Amino acid sequence: MKSDKNYFAVQLRNIMFKKNITQTDLAKKLGVTQTMISHWISGDRNPTLNSLEKISKALNIPISYLTEDNEYNKNQKNINKEFTDSFILKFIEEKTKRYDTEINYLKDKIKTLEDKIKFLEKNSKKHY
């Protein structure tokens, strides 16, 4: 598994290479030193959220391109999945209870109708 800072560093290097942007060029666009860019690219430091947003805008890429493989996002995906699974289970349980109630209601209605039919059949035979 890749570490957060190495993944970010690799992605930043890749996008700078693809866009033919030097460390100096990016530093000027972001208003930081070339040394800071060097730290990010080497994986020695990670940018602040504010810097990450600026990098995203300067390179015209989504932040997720730089961060998608990090532990935070993996944890968020797991939390979202757990929440979604929990929500779905609760929804199914509620619907099942509702349908069980409706089924029991219908069974009672059917039983009542069957009793009425039996009563009518029994009484209709007496009249003939």
C-alpha atoms as a PDB file:
ATOM      1  CA  MET A   1       0.000   0.000   0.000  1.00  0.00           C
ATOM      2  CA  LYS A   2       1.271   3.464  -0.861  1.00  0.00           C
ATOM      3  CA  SER A   3       1.704   6.008   1.895  1.00  0.00           C
ATOM      4  CA  ASP A   4      -0.285   9.214   1.674  1.00  0.00           C
ATOM      5  CA  LYS A   5       2.640  11.543   1.091  1.00  0.00           C
ATOM      6  CA  ASN A   6       4.294   9.308  -1.497  1.00  0.00           C
ATOM      7  CA  TYR A   7       1.055   8.953  -3.443  1.00  0.00           C
ATOM      8  CA  PHE A   8       0.562  12.716  -3.433  1.00  0.00           C
ATOM      9  CA  ALA A   9       4.200  13.292  -4.419  1.00  0.00           C
ATOM     10  CA  VAL A  10       4.014  10.816  -7.319  1.00  0.00           C
ATOM     11  CA  GLN A  11       0.759  12.296  -8.577  1.00  0.00           C
ATOM     12  CA  LEU A  12       2.073  15.855  -8.332  1.00  0.00           C
ATOM     13  CA  ARG A  13       5.269  14.930 -10.208  1.00  0.00           C
ATOM     14  CA  ASN A  14       3.245  13.118 -12.880  1.00  0.00           C
ATOM     15  CA  ILE A  15       0.854  15.965 -13.536  1.00  0.00           C
ATOM     16  CA  MET A  16       3.665  18.543 -13.589  1.00  0.00           C
ATOM     17  CA  PHE A  17       5.562  16.389 -16.093  1.00  0.00           C
ATOM     18  CA  LYS A  18       2.487  15.891 -18.285  1.00  0.00           C
ATOM     19  CA  LYS A  19       1.750  19.610 -18.279  1.00  0.00           C
ATOM     20  CA  ASN A  20       5.420  20.550 -18.690  1.00  0.00           C
ATOM     21  CA  ILE A  21       5.383  22.725 -15.561  1.00  0.00           C
ATOM     22  CA  THR A  22       8.575  23.305 -13.618  1.00  0.00           C
ATOM     23  CA  GLN A  23       8.847  23.629  -9.860  1.00  0.00           C
ATOM     24  CA  THR A  24       9.599  27.316 -10.303  1.00  0.00           C
ATOM     25  CA  ASP A  25       6.547  27.812 -12.545  1.00  0.00           C
ATOM     26  CA  LEU A  26       4.248  26.111 -10.059  1.00  0.00           C
ATOM     27  CA  ALA A  27       5.776  27.993  -7.126  1.00  0.00           C
ATOM     28  CA  LYS A  28       5.049  31.306  -8.856  1.00  0.00           C
ATOM     29  CA  LYS A  29       1.446  30.274  -9.624  1.00  0.00           C
ATOM     30  CA  LEU A  30       0.868  29.250  -6.016  1.00  0.00           C
ATOM     31  CA  GLY A  31       2.778  32.050  -4.331  1.00  0.00           C
ATOM     32  CA  VAL A  32       5.110  29.655  -2.507  1.00  0.00           C
ATOM     33  CA  THR A  33       8.816  28.998  -2.735  1.00  0.00           C
ATOM     34  CA  GLN A  34      10.365  26.545  -5.150  1.00  0.00           C
ATOM     35  CA  THR A  35      11.766  24.823  -2.051  1.00  0.00           C
ATOM     36  CA  MET A  36       8.211  24.132  -0.832  1.00  0.00           C
ATOM     37  CA  ILE A  37       7.351  22.552  -4.190  1.00  0.00           C
ATOM     38  CA  SER A  38      10.506  20.462  -3.891  1.00  0.00           C
ATOM     39  CA  HIS A  39       9.428  19.271  -0.427  1.00  0.00           C
ATOM     40  CA  TRP A  40       6.006  18.267  -1.786  1.00  0.00           C
ATOM     41  CA  ILE A  41       7.471  16.439  -4.766  1.00  0.00           C
ATOM     42  CA  SER A  42      10.005  14.580  -2.633  1.00  0.00           C
ATOM     43  CA  GLY A  43       7.279  13.575  -0.194  1.00  0.00           C
ATOM     44  CA  ASP A  44       9.014  15.309   2.724  1.00  0.00           C
ATOM     45  CA  ARG A  45       5.985  17.519   3.349  1.00  0.00           C
ATOM     46  CA  ASN A  46       2.336  17.582   2.477  1.00  0.00           C
ATOM     47  CA  PRO A  47       0.516  20.748   1.447  1.00  0.00           C
ATOM     48  CA  THR A  48      -2.135  22.368   3.594  1.00  0.00           C
ATOM     49  CA  LEU A  49      -5.733  22.069   2.435  1.00  0.00           C
ATOM     50  CA  ASN A  50      -5.528  25.652   1.198  1.00  0.00           C
ATOM     51  CA  SER A  51      -2.379  24.839  -0.808  1.00  0.00           C
ATOM     52  CA  LEU A  52      -3.985  21.666  -2.129  1.00  0.00           C
ATOM     53  CA  GLU A  53      -6.922  23.711  -3.420  1.00  0.00           C
ATOM     54  CA  LYS A  54      -4.510  26.161  -5.066  1.00  0.00           C
ATOM     55  CA  ILE A  55      -2.555  23.303  -6.668  1.00  0.00           C
ATOM     56  CA  SER A  56      -5.796  21.837  -7.975  1.00  0.00           C
ATOM     57  CA  LYS A  57      -6.818  25.141  -9.535  1.00  0.00           C
ATOM     58  CA  ALA A  58      -3.346  25.968 -10.874  1.00  0.00           C
ATOM     59  CA  LEU A  59      -3.002  22.563 -12.554  1.00  0.00           C
ATOM     60  CA  ASN A  60      -6.683  22.382 -13.540  1.00  0.00           C
ATOM     61  CA  ILE A  61      -7.203  18.990 -11.911  1.00  0.00           C
ATOM     62  CA  PRO A  62      -9.542  17.720  -9.201  1.00  0.00           C
ATOM     63  CA  ILE A  63      -8.080  17.453  -5.716  1.00  0.00           C
ATOM     64  CA  SER A  64      -8.993  13.771  -5.757  1.00  0.00           C
ATOM     65  CA  TYR A  65      -6.399  13.199  -8.495  1.00  0.00           C
ATOM     66  CA  LEU A  66      -3.749  14.086  -5.958  1.00  0.00           C
ATOM     67  CA  THR A  67      -5.322  12.413  -2.931  1.00  0.00           C
ATOM     68  CA  GLU A  68      -7.651   9.602  -4.011  1.00  0.00           C
ATOM     69  CA  ASP A  69      -5.457   6.779  -2.718  1.00  0.00           C
ATOM     70  CA  ASN A  70      -4.913   8.198   0.756  1.00  0.00           C
ATOM     71  CA  GLU A  71      -6.027   6.589   4.015  1.00  0.00           C
ATOM     72  CA  TYR A  72      -8.472   9.376   4.809  1.00  0.00           C
ATOM     73  CA  ASN A  73     -10.411   8.783   1.602  1.00  0.00           C
ATOM     74  CA  LYS A  74     -10.287   5.013   2.087  1.00  0.00           C
ATOM     75  CA  ASN A  75     -11.648   5.471   5.594  1.00  0.00           C
ATOM     76  CA  GLN A  76     -14.340   7.840   4.330  1.00  0.00           C
ATOM     77  CA  LYS A  77     -15.345   5.291   1.700  1.00  0.00           C
ATOM     78  CA  ASN A  78     -15.592   2.623   4.400  1.00  0.00           C
ATOM     79  CA  ILE A  79     -17.612   4.935   6.651  1.00  0.00           C
ATOM     80  CA  ASN A  80     -19.910   5.830   3.757  1.00  0.00           C
ATOM     81  CA  LYS A  81     -20.302   2.167   2.840  1.00  0.00           C
ATOM     82  CA  GLU A  82     -21.086   1.243   6.443  1.00  0.00           C
ATOM     83  CA  PHE A  83     -23.597   4.090   6.657  1.00  0.00           C
ATOM     84  CA  THR A  84     -25.158   3.111   3.345  1.00  0.00           C
ATOM     85  CA  ASP A  85     -25.318  -0.552   4.326  1.00  0.00           C
ATOM     86  CA  SER A  86     -26.841   0.385   7.680  1.00  0.00           C
ATOM     87  CA  PHE A  87     -29.332   2.693   5.993  1.00  0.00           C
ATOM     88  CA  ILE A  88     -30.314   0.000   3.489  1.00  0.00           C
ATOM     89  CA  LEU A  89     -30.733  -2.606   6.221  1.00  0.00           C
ATOM     90  CA  LYS A  90     -32.872  -0.243   8.283  1.00  0.00           C
ATOM     91  CA  PHE A  91     -34.942   0.602   5.215  1.00  0.00           C
ATOM     92  CA  ILE A  92     -35.456  -3.093   4.431  1.00  0.00           C
ATOM     93  CA  GLU A  93     -36.386  -3.842   8.048  1.00  0.00           C
ATOM     94  CA  GLU A  94     -38.920  -0.997   8.093  1.00  0.00           C
ATOM     95  CA  LYS A  95     -40.424  -2.089   4.785  1.00  0.00           C
ATOM     96  CA  THR A  96     -40.523  -5.705   5.933  1.00  0.00           C
ATOM     97  CA  LYS A  97     -42.357  -4.709   9.133  1.00  0.00           C
ATOM     98  CA  ARG A  98     -44.760  -2.599   7.111  1.00  0.00           C
ATOM     99  CA  TYR A  99     -45.396  -5.374   4.625  1.00  0.00           C
ATOM    100  CA  ASP A 100     -45.746  -7.917   7.430  1.00  0.00           C
ATOM    101  CA  THR A 101     -48.379  -5.672   9.008  1.00  0.00           C
ATOM    102  CA  GLU A 102     -50.167  -5.325   5.674  1.00  0.00           C
ATOM    103  CA  ILE A 103     -49.958  -9.067   5.064  1.00  0.00           C
ATOM    104  CA  ASN A 104     -51.382  -9.799   8.508  1.00  0.00           C
ATOM    105  CA  TYR A 105     -54.165  -7.305   7.886  1.00  0.00           C
ATOM    106  CA  LEU A 106     -54.969  -8.977   4.561  1.00  0.00           C
ATOM    107  CA  LYS A 107     -54.831 -12.440   6.146  1.00  0.00           C
ATOM    108  CA  ASP A 108     -57.343 -11.258   8.747  1.00  0.00           C
ATOM    109  CA  LYS A 109     -59.589  -9.879   5.996  1.00  0.00           C
ATOM    110  CA  ILE A 110     -59.337 -13.147   4.061  1.00  0.00           C
ATOM    111  CA  LYS A 111     -60.154 -15.122   7.209  1.00  0.00           C
ATOM    112  CA  THR A 112     -63.169 -12.880   7.836  1.00  0.00           C
ATOM    113  CA  LEU A 113     -64.350 -13.362   4.251  1.00  0.00           C
ATOM    114  CA  GLU A 114     -63.844 -17.129   4.483  1.00  0.00           C
ATOM    115  CA  ASP A 115     -65.878 -17.192   7.684  1.00  0.00           C
ATOM    116  CA  LYS A 116     -68.647 -15.195   6.013  1.00  0.00           C
ATOM    117  CA  ILE A 117     -68.627 -17.552   3.024  1.00  0.00           C
ATOM    118  CA  LYS A 118     -68.857 -20.572   5.338  1.00  0.00           C
ATOM    119  CA  PHE A 119     -71.677 -18.938   7.233  1.00  0.00           C
ATOM    120  CA  LEU A 120     -73.531 -18.098   4.029  1.00  0.00           C
ATOM    121  CA  GLU A 121     -73.009 -21.603   2.629  1.00  0.00           C
ATOM    122  CA  LYS A 122     -74.226 -23.175   5.845  1.00  0.00           C
ATOM    123  CA  ASN A 123     -77.276 -20.927   6.041  1.00  0.00           C
ATOM    124  CA  SER A 124     -78.112 -21.222   2.373  1.00  0.00           C
ATOM    125  CA  LYS A 125     -78.316 -25.038   2.713  1.00  0.00           C
ATOM    126  CA  LYS A 126     -80.764 -24.695   5.573  1.00  0.00           C
ATOM    127  CA  HIS A 127     -83.155 -22.713   3.401  1.00  0.00           C
ATOM    128  CA  TYR A 128     -83.396 -25.378   0.716  1.00  0.00           C
END
